[in-house]
PDB file of N, CA and C in Angstrom:
ATOM      1  N   MET A   1       5.749 -18.899   3.796  1.00  0.00           N
ATOM      2  CA  MET A   1       6.450 -17.920   4.619  1.00  0.00           C
ATOM      3  C   MET A   1       6.016 -17.463   5.911  1.00  0.00           C
ATOM      4  N   THR A   2       6.740 -17.296   7.150  1.00  0.00           N
ATOM      5  CA  THR A   2       5.914 -16.972   8.423  1.00  0.00           C
ATOM      6  C   THR A   2       6.704 -15.574   8.173  1.00  0.00           C
ATOM      7  N   LYS A   3       5.983 -14.984   9.164  1.00  0.00           N
ATOM      8  CA  LYS A   3       6.113 -13.558   9.355  1.00  0.00           C
ATOM      9  C   LYS A   3       7.468 -13.857  10.543  1.00  0.00           C
ATOM     10  N   ARG A   4       8.387 -12.675  10.388  1.00  0.00           N
ATOM     11  CA  ARG A   4       9.451 -12.357  11.422  1.00  0.00           C
ATOM     12  C   ARG A   4       8.678 -11.786  12.217  1.00  0.00           C
ATOM     13  N   LYS A   5       9.234 -12.531  13.521  1.00  0.00           N
ATOM     14  CA  LYS A   5       8.417 -11.846  15.260  1.00  0.00           C
ATOM     15  C   LYS A   5       9.418 -10.489  15.123  1.00  0.00           C
ATOM     16  N   PRO A   6       8.380  -9.517  15.406  1.00  0.00           N
ATOM     17  CA  PRO A   6       9.174  -8.134  15.967  1.00  0.00           C
ATOM     18  C   PRO A   6      10.075  -8.215  16.944  1.00  0.00           C
ATOM     19  N   VAL A   7      11.139  -7.173  16.665  1.00  0.00           N
ATOM     20  CA  VAL A   7      12.228  -7.678  18.390  1.00  0.00           C
ATOM     21  C   VAL A   7      12.171  -6.188  19.177  1.00  0.00           C
ATOM     22  N   SER A   8      12.112  -5.336  18.453  1.00  0.00           N
ATOM     23  CA  SER A   8      12.376  -3.703  18.919  1.00  0.00           C
ATOM     24  C   SER A   8      10.920  -3.513  19.742  1.00  0.00           C
ATOM     25  N   ASN A   9      10.999  -2.492  20.485  1.00  0.00           N
ATOM     26  CA  ASN A   9       9.661  -1.736  21.430  1.00  0.00           C
ATOM     27  C   ASN A   9       8.894  -1.066  19.851  1.00  0.00           C
ATOM     28  N   ALA A  10       9.652  -0.553  19.069  1.00  0.00           N
ATOM     29  CA  ALA A  10       9.179   0.436  18.272  1.00  0.00           C
ATOM     30  C   ALA A  10       8.415  -0.463  17.010  1.00  0.00           C
ATOM     31  N   GLU A  11       8.627  -1.825  16.732  1.00  0.00           N
ATOM     32  CA  GLU A  11       8.449  -2.730  15.857  1.00  0.00           C
ATOM     33  C   GLU A  11       7.246  -3.600  16.644  1.00  0.00           C
ATOM     34  N   ARG A  12       7.260  -3.701  17.671  1.00  0.00           N
ATOM     35  CA  ARG A  12       6.460  -4.076  18.709  1.00  0.00           C
ATOM     36  C   ARG A  12       5.142  -3.435  18.439  1.00  0.00           C
ATOM     37  N   ARG A  13       5.182  -2.256  18.518  1.00  0.00           N
ATOM     38  CA  ARG A  13       4.264  -1.315  18.768  1.00  0.00           C
ATOM     39  C   ARG A  13       3.786  -0.855  17.246  1.00  0.00           C
ATOM     40  N   SER A  14       4.358  -0.529  16.316  1.00  0.00           N
ATOM     41  CA  SER A  14       3.940  -0.687  14.900  1.00  0.00           C
ATOM     42  C   SER A  14       3.091  -2.091  14.560  1.00  0.00           C
ATOM     43  N   SER A  15       3.737  -3.493  14.523  1.00  0.00           N
ATOM     44  CA  SER A  15       3.205  -4.396  14.442  1.00  0.00           C
ATOM     45  C   SER A  15       1.896  -4.499  15.216  1.00  0.00           C
ATOM     46  N   SER A  16       1.399  -4.623  16.625  1.00  0.00           N
ATOM     47  CA  SER A  16       0.343  -4.580  17.146  1.00  0.00           C
ATOM     48  C   SER A  16      -0.393  -3.301  16.821  1.00  0.00           C
ATOM     49  N   ILE A  17       0.001  -2.002  16.487  1.00  0.00           N
ATOM     50  CA  ILE A  17      -1.061  -0.888  15.642  1.00  0.00           C
ATOM     51  C   ILE A  17      -1.659  -1.424  14.548  1.00  0.00           C
ATOM     52  N   GLU A  18      -0.989  -2.121  14.011  1.00  0.00           N
ATOM     53  CA  GLU A  18      -0.943  -2.554  12.365  1.00  0.00           C
ATOM     54  C   GLU A  18      -2.268  -3.886  12.505  1.00  0.00           C
ATOM     55  N   ALA A  19      -2.214  -4.666  13.630  1.00  0.00           N
ATOM     56  CA  ALA A  19      -3.236  -5.782  13.749  1.00  0.00           C
ATOM     57  C   ALA A  19      -4.397  -5.391  14.127  1.00  0.00           C
ATOM     58  N   LEU A  20      -4.618  -4.045  15.324  1.00  0.00           N
ATOM     59  CA  LEU A  20      -5.549  -3.844  15.803  1.00  0.00           C
ATOM     60  C   LEU A  20      -6.416  -2.902  14.782  1.00  0.00           C
ATOM     61  N   LEU A  21      -5.780  -2.046  13.923  1.00  0.00           N
ATOM     62  CA  LEU A  21      -6.224  -1.331  12.794  1.00  0.00           C
ATOM     63  C   LEU A  21      -6.711  -2.324  11.460  1.00  0.00           C
ATOM     64  N   ASN A  22      -5.806  -3.023  11.091  1.00  0.00           N
ATOM     65  CA  ASN A  22      -6.804  -4.098  10.151  1.00  0.00           C
ATOM     66  C   ASN A  22      -7.881  -5.111  10.934  1.00  0.00           C
ATOM     67  N   ALA A  23      -8.008  -5.415  11.809  1.00  0.00           N
ATOM     68  CA  ALA A  23      -9.065  -5.741  12.572  1.00  0.00           C
ATOM     69  C   ALA A  23     -10.118  -5.206  12.936  1.00  0.00           C
ATOM     70  N   ALA A  24     -10.238  -3.818  12.993  1.00  0.00           N
ATOM     71  CA  ALA A  24     -11.195  -2.739  13.232  1.00  0.00           C
ATOM     72  C   ALA A  24     -11.501  -2.766  11.629  1.00  0.00           C
ATOM     73  N   GLN A  25     -10.975  -2.415  10.751  1.00  0.00           N
ATOM     74  CA  GLN A  25     -11.308  -2.261   9.665  1.00  0.00           C
ATOM     75  C   GLN A  25     -12.479  -3.408   9.196  1.00  0.00           C
ATOM     76  N   HIS A  26     -11.616  -4.786   9.114  1.00  0.00           N
ATOM     77  CA  HIS A  26     -12.618  -5.699   8.701  1.00  0.00           C
ATOM     78  C   HIS A  26     -13.950  -5.629   9.406  1.00  0.00           C
ATOM     79  N   LEU A  27     -14.013  -5.588  10.868  1.00  0.00           N
ATOM     80  CA  LEU A  27     -15.239  -5.506  11.575  1.00  0.00           C
ATOM     81  C   LEU A  27     -16.175  -4.029  11.457  1.00  0.00           C
ATOM     82  N   PHE A  28     -15.396  -3.300  11.101  1.00  0.00           N
ATOM     83  CA  PHE A  28     -15.996  -1.890  10.686  1.00  0.00           C
ATOM     84  C   PHE A  28     -16.780  -2.400   9.036  1.00  0.00           C
ATOM     85  N   VAL A  29     -16.210  -3.201   8.510  1.00  0.00           N
ATOM     86  CA  VAL A  29     -17.112  -3.256   7.014  1.00  0.00           C
ATOM     87  C   VAL A  29     -17.596  -4.364   7.162  1.00  0.00           C
ATOM     88  N   THR A  30     -17.404  -5.496   7.689  1.00  0.00           N
ATOM     89  CA  THR A  30     -18.654  -6.550   8.112  1.00  0.00           C
ATOM     90  C   THR A  30     -19.713  -6.838   8.737  1.00  0.00           C
ATOM     91  N   GLN A  31     -19.216  -5.923  10.229  1.00  0.00           N
ATOM     92  CA  GLN A  31     -20.377  -5.512  10.603  1.00  0.00           C
ATOM     93  C   GLN A  31     -20.671  -4.297  11.293  1.00  0.00           C
ATOM     94  N   ARG A  32     -20.070  -3.847  10.862  1.00  0.00           N
ATOM     95  CA  ARG A  32     -20.632  -2.190  11.105  1.00  0.00           C
ATOM     96  C   ARG A  32     -19.675  -1.402  12.401  1.00  0.00           C
ATOM     97  N   PHE A  33     -19.954  -0.176  12.128  1.00  0.00           N
ATOM     98  CA  PHE A  33     -19.295   0.690  13.367  1.00  0.00           C
ATOM     99  C   PHE A  33     -19.569   0.426  14.705  1.00  0.00           C
ATOM    100  N   ASN A  34     -21.258   0.528  14.556  1.00  0.00           N
ATOM    101  CA  ASN A  34     -21.896   0.713  15.866  1.00  0.00           C
ATOM    102  C   ASN A  34     -21.953  -0.781  16.349  1.00  0.00           C
ATOM    103  N   THR A  35     -21.916  -1.689  15.771  1.00  0.00           N
ATOM    104  CA  THR A  35     -22.189  -3.069  16.081  1.00  0.00           C
ATOM    105  C   THR A  35     -20.586  -3.594  16.829  1.00  0.00           C
ATOM    106  N   THR A  36     -19.459  -2.891  16.447  1.00  0.00           N
ATOM    107  CA  THR A  36     -18.288  -3.401  16.863  1.00  0.00           C
ATOM    108  C   THR A  36     -17.814  -2.781  17.966  1.00  0.00           C
ATOM    109  N   THR A  37     -17.212  -4.217  18.878  1.00  0.00           N
ATOM    110  CA  THR A  37     -16.951  -3.541  20.425  1.00  0.00           C
ATOM    111  C   THR A  37     -15.383  -3.796  20.114  1.00  0.00           C
ATOM    112  N   ILE A  38     -14.722  -3.002  21.382  1.00  0.00           N
ATOM    113  CA  ILE A  38     -13.201  -3.158  21.554  1.00  0.00           C
ATOM    114  C   ILE A  38     -12.747  -4.654  21.945  1.00  0.00           C
ATOM    115  N   ASP A  39     -13.686  -4.920  22.584  1.00  0.00           N
ATOM    116  CA  ASP A  39     -13.569  -6.489  22.554  1.00  0.00           C
ATOM    117  C   ASP A  39     -12.873  -7.343  21.199  1.00  0.00           C
ATOM    118  N   GLN A  40     -14.308  -6.895  20.517  1.00  0.00           N
ATOM    119  CA  GLN A  40     -13.871  -7.646  19.167  1.00  0.00           C
ATOM    120  C   GLN A  40     -12.641  -7.633  18.694  1.00  0.00           C
ATOM    121  N   ILE A  41     -12.301  -6.119  18.484  1.00  0.00           N
ATOM    122  CA  ILE A  41     -11.332  -5.883  17.791  1.00  0.00           C
ATOM    123  C   ILE A  41     -10.098  -6.058  18.442  1.00  0.00           C
ATOM    124  N   ALA A  42      -9.959  -5.922  19.656  1.00  0.00           N
ATOM    125  CA  ALA A  42      -8.509  -6.657  20.204  1.00  0.00           C
ATOM    126  C   ALA A  42      -8.699  -8.702  20.120  1.00  0.00           C
ATOM    127  N   GLU A  43      -9.730  -8.895  20.402  1.00  0.00           N
ATOM    128  CA  GLU A  43      -9.702 -10.705  20.059  1.00  0.00           C
ATOM    129  C   GLU A  43      -9.470 -10.839  18.154  1.00  0.00           C
ATOM    130  N   ARG A  44      -9.868 -10.287  17.332  1.00  0.00           N
ATOM    131  CA  ARG A  44      -9.188 -10.408  16.075  1.00  0.00           C
ATOM    132  C   ARG A  44      -7.921  -9.941  16.051  1.00  0.00           C
ATOM    133  N   ALA A  45      -7.420  -8.983  16.791  1.00  0.00           N
ATOM    134  CA  ALA A  45      -6.182  -9.021  16.732  1.00  0.00           C
ATOM    135  C   ALA A  45      -5.326  -9.416  17.292  1.00  0.00           C
ATOM    136  N   GLY A  46      -5.726 -10.344  18.158  1.00  0.00           N
ATOM    137  CA  GLY A  46      -4.817 -11.704  18.930  1.00  0.00           C
ATOM    138  C   GLY A  46      -4.316 -10.580  20.223  1.00  0.00           C
ATOM    139  N   LEU A  47      -4.741  -9.900  20.366  1.00  0.00           N
ATOM    140  CA  LEU A  47      -4.377  -8.773  21.512  1.00  0.00           C
ATOM    141  C   LEU A  47      -5.336  -8.707  22.663  1.00  0.00           C
ATOM    142  N   SER A  48      -4.940  -7.850  23.779  1.00  0.00           N
ATOM    143  CA  SER A  48      -6.123  -7.744  24.851  1.00  0.00           C
ATOM    144  C   SER A  48      -6.786  -6.380  24.968  1.00  0.00           C
ATOM    145  N   LYS A  49      -7.712  -6.349  25.448  1.00  0.00           N
ATOM    146  CA  LYS A  49      -8.436  -5.003  25.454  1.00  0.00           C
ATOM    147  C   LYS A  49      -7.785  -4.030  25.843  1.00  0.00           C
ATOM    148  N   GLY A  50      -7.004  -4.091  26.368  1.00  0.00           N
ATOM    149  CA  GLY A  50      -6.228  -3.134  27.428  1.00  0.00           C
ATOM    150  C   GLY A  50      -4.997  -2.679  26.157  1.00  0.00           C
ATOM    151  N   ALA A  51      -4.672  -3.675  25.278  1.00  0.00           N
ATOM    152  CA  ALA A  51      -4.004  -3.149  24.081  1.00  0.00           C
ATOM    153  C   ALA A  51      -4.417  -1.986  23.069  1.00  0.00           C
ATOM    154  N   VAL A  52      -5.735  -2.222  22.865  1.00  0.00           N
ATOM    155  CA  VAL A  52      -6.169  -1.559  22.085  1.00  0.00           C
ATOM    156  C   VAL A  52      -6.593  -0.079  22.903  1.00  0.00           C
ATOM    157  N   TYR A  53      -7.027   0.204  24.500  1.00  0.00           N
ATOM    158  CA  TYR A  53      -6.986   1.500  25.046  1.00  0.00           C
ATOM    159  C   TYR A  53      -5.668   2.228  25.132  1.00  0.00           C
ATOM    160  N   PHE A  54      -4.410   0.887  24.937  1.00  0.00           N
ATOM    161  CA  PHE A  54      -3.167   1.585  24.987  1.00  0.00           C
ATOM    162  C   PHE A  54      -2.695   2.199  23.963  1.00  0.00           C
ATOM    163  N   TYR A  55      -3.336   1.998  22.800  1.00  0.00           N
ATOM    164  CA  TYR A  55      -2.697   2.841  21.771  1.00  0.00           C
ATOM    165  C   TYR A  55      -4.115   3.854  21.114  1.00  0.00           C
ATOM    166  N   PHE A  56      -4.981   3.179  21.215  1.00  0.00           N
ATOM    167  CA  PHE A  56      -6.178   4.124  20.916  1.00  0.00           C
ATOM    168  C   PHE A  56      -6.471   4.673  21.951  1.00  0.00           C
ATOM    169  N   ARG A  57      -7.382   5.921  22.665  1.00  0.00           N
ATOM    170  CA  ARG A  57      -8.506   6.373  23.444  1.00  0.00           C
ATOM    171  C   ARG A  57      -9.748   5.770  23.299  1.00  0.00           C
ATOM    172  N   ASP A  58     -10.219   5.701  22.344  1.00  0.00           N
ATOM    173  CA  ASP A  58     -11.655   4.935  22.216  1.00  0.00           C
ATOM    174  C   ASP A  58     -11.967   3.994  20.552  1.00  0.00           C
ATOM    175  N   LYS A  59     -12.687   3.527  20.683  1.00  0.00           N
ATOM    176  CA  LYS A  59     -13.031   3.209  18.940  1.00  0.00           C
ATOM    177  C   LYS A  59     -13.361   4.508  18.229  1.00  0.00           C
ATOM    178  N   ILE A  60     -14.033   5.141  18.652  1.00  0.00           N
ATOM    179  CA  ILE A  60     -13.586   6.658  17.955  1.00  0.00           C
ATOM    180  C   ILE A  60     -12.344   7.373  17.206  1.00  0.00           C
ATOM    181  N   ASN A  61     -11.510   7.041  18.121  1.00  0.00           N
ATOM    182  CA  ASN A  61     -10.071   7.509  17.840  1.00  0.00           C
ATOM    183  C   ASN A  61      -9.501   6.050  16.785  1.00  0.00           C
ATOM    184  N   VAL A  62     -10.058   5.180  16.939  1.00  0.00           N
ATOM    185  CA  VAL A  62      -9.234   4.338  15.959  1.00  0.00           C
ATOM    186  C   VAL A  62     -10.259   3.861  14.877  1.00  0.00           C
ATOM    187  N   LEU A  63     -11.237   4.479  14.871  1.00  0.00           N
ATOM    188  CA  LEU A  63     -12.163   4.869  13.205  1.00  0.00           C
ATOM    189  C   LEU A  63     -11.622   6.200  12.599  1.00  0.00           C
ATOM    190  N   LEU A  64     -10.800   7.343  13.140  1.00  0.00           N
ATOM    191  CA  LEU A  64     -10.336   8.139  12.492  1.00  0.00           C
ATOM    192  C   LEU A  64      -8.962   8.016  12.381  1.00  0.00           C
ATOM    193  N   THR A  65      -8.342   6.861  13.047  1.00  0.00           N
ATOM    194  CA  THR A  65      -6.581   6.567  12.391  1.00  0.00           C
ATOM    195  C   THR A  65      -7.110   5.808  11.060  1.00  0.00           C
ATOM    196  N   LEU A  66      -7.939   5.068  10.884  1.00  0.00           N
ATOM    197  CA  LEU A  66      -8.367   4.610   9.639  1.00  0.00           C
ATOM    198  C   LEU A  66      -8.632   5.345   8.813  1.00  0.00           C
ATOM    199  N   LEU A  67      -9.322   6.536   8.618  1.00  0.00           N
ATOM    200  CA  LEU A  67      -9.644   7.599   7.518  1.00  0.00           C
ATOM    201  C   LEU A  67      -8.656   8.131   7.384  1.00  0.00           C
ATOM    202  N   GLU A  68      -7.877   8.303   8.544  1.00  0.00           N
ATOM    203  CA  GLU A  68      -6.515   9.324   8.203  1.00  0.00           C
ATOM    204  C   GLU A  68      -5.459   8.512   6.922  1.00  0.00           C
ATOM    205  N   ARG A  69      -5.693   6.909   7.806  1.00  0.00           N
ATOM    206  CA  ARG A  69      -4.780   5.734   6.654  1.00  0.00           C
ATOM    207  C   ARG A  69      -5.073   6.078   5.229  1.00  0.00           C
ATOM    208  N   VAL A  70      -6.921   5.764   5.260  1.00  0.00           N
ATOM    209  CA  VAL A  70      -7.161   5.872   3.610  1.00  0.00           C
ATOM    210  C   VAL A  70      -7.121   6.992   2.955  1.00  0.00           C
ATOM    211  N   GLU A  71      -7.150   8.055   3.485  1.00  0.00           N
ATOM    212  CA  GLU A  71      -6.672   9.566   3.211  1.00  0.00           C
ATOM    213  C   GLU A  71      -4.948   9.460   2.547  1.00  0.00           C
ATOM    214  N   SER A  72      -4.613   8.906   3.587  1.00  0.00           N
ATOM    215  CA  SER A  72      -3.249   9.057   2.947  1.00  0.00           C
ATOM    216  C   SER A  72      -2.583   8.023   1.941  1.00  0.00           C
ATOM    217  N   GLU A  73      -3.328   6.548   1.865  1.00  0.00           N
ATOM    218  CA  GLU A  73      -2.802   5.511   0.727  1.00  0.00           C
ATOM    219  C   GLU A  73      -3.626   5.965  -0.155  1.00  0.00           C
ATOM    220  N   ILE A  74      -5.231   6.452  -0.276  1.00  0.00           N
ATOM    221  CA  ILE A  74      -6.058   6.628  -1.464  1.00  0.00           C
ATOM    222  C   ILE A  74      -5.884   7.867  -2.197  1.00  0.00           C
ATOM    223  N   TYR A  75      -6.304   8.788  -1.259  1.00  0.00           N
ATOM    224  CA  TYR A  75      -6.569  10.520  -2.348  1.00  0.00           C
ATOM    225  C   TYR A  75      -5.256  11.100  -2.003  1.00  0.00           C
ATOM    226  N   GLU A  76      -4.071  11.291  -1.738  1.00  0.00           N
ATOM    227  CA  GLU A  76      -3.200  12.043  -1.543  1.00  0.00           C
ATOM    228  C   GLU A  76      -2.624  11.448  -3.110  1.00  0.00           C
ATOM    229  N   PRO A  77      -2.259  10.155  -3.052  1.00  0.00           N
ATOM    230  CA  PRO A  77      -1.441   9.795  -4.466  1.00  0.00           C
ATOM    231  C   PRO A  77      -2.457  10.354  -5.635  1.00  0.00           C
ATOM    232  N   VAL A  78      -3.877  10.240  -6.020  1.00  0.00           N
ATOM    233  CA  VAL A  78      -4.662  10.529  -6.747  1.00  0.00           C
ATOM    234  C   VAL A  78      -4.893  12.430  -6.896  1.00  0.00           C
ATOM    235  N   PHE A  79      -4.733  13.173  -5.786  1.00  0.00           N
ATOM    236  CA  PHE A  79      -4.340  14.563  -5.820  1.00  0.00           C
ATOM    237  C   PHE A  79      -3.271  14.538  -6.299  1.00  0.00           C
ATOM    238  N   ALA A  80      -2.093  14.186  -5.899  1.00  0.00           N
ATOM    239  CA  ALA A  80      -0.608  14.669  -6.697  1.00  0.00           C
ATOM    240  C   ALA A  80      -0.745  14.137  -8.046  1.00  0.00           C
ATOM    241  N   MET A  81      -1.276  12.974  -8.560  1.00  0.00           N
ATOM    242  CA  MET A  81      -1.618  12.589  -9.948  1.00  0.00           C
ATOM    243  C   MET A  81      -2.314  13.955 -10.527  1.00  0.00           C
ATOM    244  N   LEU A  82      -3.337  14.248  -9.885  1.00  0.00           N
ATOM    245  CA  LEU A  82      -4.180  15.538 -10.578  1.00  0.00           C
ATOM    246  C   LEU A  82      -3.246  16.794 -10.688  1.00  0.00           C
ATOM    247  N   ARG A  83      -2.197  16.947  -9.709  1.00  0.00           N
ATOM    248  CA  ARG A  83      -1.505  18.378  -9.888  1.00  0.00           C
ATOM    249  C   ARG A  83      -0.724  17.966 -10.706  1.00  0.00           C
ATOM    250  N   ASP A  84      -0.250  16.845 -11.540  1.00  0.00           N
ATOM    251  CA  ASP A  84       1.189  16.876 -12.033  1.00  0.00           C
ATOM    252  C   ASP A  84       1.175  17.238 -13.270  1.00  0.00           C
ATOM    253  N   ASP A  85       1.335  18.330 -13.394  1.00  0.00           N
ATOM    254  CA  ASP A  85       2.136  19.222 -14.728  1.00  0.00           C
ATOM    255  C   ASP A  85       2.485  18.324 -15.809  1.00  0.00           C
ATOM    256  N   SER A  86       3.003  17.601 -15.416  1.00  0.00           N
ATOM    257  CA  SER A  86       3.780  16.861 -16.588  1.00  0.00           C
ATOM    258  C   SER A  86       2.926  16.080 -17.825  1.00  0.00           C
ATOM    259  N   LEU A  87       1.745  15.884 -17.713  1.00  0.00           N
ATOM    260  CA  LEU A  87       1.021  14.916 -18.056  1.00  0.00           C
ATOM    261  C   LEU A  87      -0.418  16.159 -18.676  1.00  0.00           C
ATOM    262  N   PRO A  88      -0.532  15.881 -19.583  1.00  0.00           N
ATOM    263  CA  PRO A  88      -1.331  16.632 -20.253  1.00  0.00           C
ATOM    264  C   PRO A  88      -3.240  16.435 -19.230  1.00  0.00           C
ATOM    265  N   ALA A  89      -3.983  17.752 -19.311  1.00  0.00           N
ATOM    266  CA  ALA A  89      -4.914  17.447 -18.786  1.00  0.00           C
ATOM    267  C   ALA A  89      -6.230  16.214 -18.781  1.00  0.00           C
ATOM    268  N   GLN A  90      -6.431  15.812 -20.372  1.00  0.00           N
ATOM    269  CA  GLN A  90      -7.027  14.503 -20.616  1.00  0.00           C
ATOM    270  C   GLN A  90      -6.313  13.131 -20.012  1.00  0.00           C
ATOM    271  N   GLU A  91      -4.928  13.216 -19.970  1.00  0.00           N
ATOM    272  CA  GLU A  91      -4.662  11.786 -19.678  1.00  0.00           C
ATOM    273  C   GLU A  91      -4.757  11.781 -18.083  1.00  0.00           C
ATOM    274  N   ARG A  92      -4.533  13.041 -16.881  1.00  0.00           N
ATOM    275  CA  ARG A  92      -4.864  13.207 -15.981  1.00  0.00           C
ATOM    276  C   ARG A  92      -6.413  12.571 -15.694  1.00  0.00           C
ATOM    277  N   LEU A  93      -6.960  13.456 -15.791  1.00  0.00           N
ATOM    278  CA  LEU A  93      -8.513  13.205 -16.149  1.00  0.00           C
ATOM    279  C   LEU A  93      -9.150  11.433 -16.241  1.00  0.00           C
ATOM    280  N   VAL A  94      -8.290  10.987 -17.503  1.00  0.00           N
ATOM    281  CA  VAL A  94      -7.901   9.378 -17.589  1.00  0.00           C
ATOM    282  C   VAL A  94      -8.372   8.774 -16.666  1.00  0.00           C
ATOM    283  N   ARG A  95      -6.535   9.127 -16.284  1.00  0.00           N
ATOM    284  CA  ARG A  95      -5.874   8.840 -15.029  1.00  0.00           C
ATOM    285  C   ARG A  95      -6.580   8.783 -13.474  1.00  0.00           C
ATOM    286  N   PHE A  96      -7.550   9.628 -13.149  1.00  0.00           N
ATOM    287  CA  PHE A  96      -8.438   9.688 -11.823  1.00  0.00           C
ATOM    288  C   PHE A  96      -9.477   9.142 -12.424  1.00  0.00           C
ATOM    289  N   ILE A  97     -10.338   8.705 -13.221  1.00  0.00           N
ATOM    290  CA  ILE A  97     -11.203   8.066 -13.687  1.00  0.00           C
ATOM    291  C   ILE A  97     -11.219   6.307 -13.286  1.00  0.00           C
ATOM    292  N   HIS A  98      -9.584   5.836 -13.384  1.00  0.00           N
ATOM    293  CA  HIS A  98      -9.325   4.667 -14.129  1.00  0.00           C
ATOM    294  C   HIS A  98      -9.282   4.606 -12.146  1.00  0.00           C
ATOM    295  N   GLN A  99      -8.791   5.428 -11.374  1.00  0.00           N
ATOM    296  CA  GLN A  99      -8.412   5.518  -9.875  1.00  0.00           C
ATOM    297  C   GLN A  99      -9.753   5.338  -9.799  1.00  0.00           C
ATOM    298  N   LEU A 100     -10.694   5.892  -9.552  1.00  0.00           N
ATOM    299  CA  LEU A 100     -12.091   5.391  -9.209  1.00  0.00           C
ATOM    300  C   LEU A 100     -12.915   4.201  -9.121  1.00  0.00           C
TER     301      LEU A 100
END
């Protein structure tokens, strides 16, 4: 199945940002943050170095955006589950441990 090309500016922007974040995440994990360059992120994402700077001020900003994504995708659902009063405390604890 082939990916549909984004058509609107908003879709292009979203697609570019997602590609850059995925590239950065891979590179930060496989070769560490300190050794990853903006050039490498751009190359892996299939975009220009200028595109990285267009969407992100610097490499730290890329990292902070990735950390925000992790917080919203991983931690927030876990915390919501822990606050769910419809589940007994023991069940919440078991689910929390499974999430870890």
